[in-house]
Amino acid sequence: MRFFTKKLSSYAAISMLMTLIAVIFLYIMGNALIQTTESYQQVAKAENVY
């Protein structure tokens, strides 16, 4: 029983780590998307695209 709980504990730690990595990845990608969109809008506004 002790081995089973230790195994579950390691699985929980790995799951938390993977979730944290996924959240950080989504934050970075979203931030990059926002910056790209803002720079595109500035260029488009300067060139009167829309």
Protein backbone atom coordinates (compact mmCIF):
# COMPACT_ATOMS: atom_id res chain seq x y z
CA MET A 1 0.00 0.00 0.00
CA ARG A 2 2.87 2.38 0.76
CA PHE A 3 4.39 1.83 -2.70
CA PHE A 4 1.00 2.48 -4.29
CA THR A 5 0.60 5.84 -2.54
CA LYS A 6 4.20 6.82 -3.35
CA LYS A 7 3.53 5.97 -7.01
CA LEU A 8 0.32 8.04 -6.97
CA SER A 9 2.20 10.90 -5.35
CA SER A 10 4.84 10.88 -8.08
CA TYR A 11 2.11 10.76 -10.74
CA ALA A 12 0.42 13.74 -9.10
CA ALA A 13 3.71 15.68 -9.04
CA ILE A 14 4.36 14.92 -12.71
CA SER A 15 0.80 15.95 -13.59
CA MET A 16 1.17 19.24 -11.74
CA LEU A 17 4.50 19.92 -13.47
CA MET A 18 3.03 19.18 -16.91
CA THR A 19 0.03 21.40 -16.17
CA LEU A 20 2.34 24.22 -15.10
CA ILE A 21 4.41 23.86 -18.28
CA ALA A 22 1.23 23.90 -20.39
CA VAL A 23 -0.06 27.06 -18.70
CA ILE A 24 3.29 28.83 -19.15
CA PHE A 25 3.40 27.74 -22.80
CA LEU A 26 -0.12 29.04 -23.46
CA TYR A 27 0.70 32.34 -21.74
CA ILE A 28 3.83 32.84 -23.86
CA MET A 29 2.07 31.92 -27.11
CA GLY A 30 -0.90 34.16 -26.31
CA ASN A 31 1.39 37.04 -25.43
CA ALA A 32 3.30 36.60 -28.71
CA LEU A 33 0.02 36.51 -30.64
CA ILE A 34 -1.18 39.72 -29.01
CA GLN A 35 2.10 41.52 -29.73
CA THR A 36 2.07 40.37 -33.36
CA THR A 37 -1.53 41.51 -33.80
CA GLU A 38 -0.81 44.91 -32.26
CA SER A 39 2.22 45.48 -34.48
CA TYR A 40 0.22 44.40 -37.55
CA GLN A 41 -2.56 46.84 -36.64
CA GLN A 42 -0.07 49.67 -36.27
CA VAL A 43 1.46 48.93 -39.68
CA ALA A 44 -1.97 48.53 -41.27
CA LYS A 45 -3.19 51.79 -39.74
CA ALA A 46 -0.08 53.62 -41.02
CA GLU A 47 -0.64 52.26 -44.53
CA ASN A 48 -4.44 52.79 -44.40
CA VAL A 49 -5.19 49.14 -45.08
CA TYR A 50 -8.49 49.32 -43.21
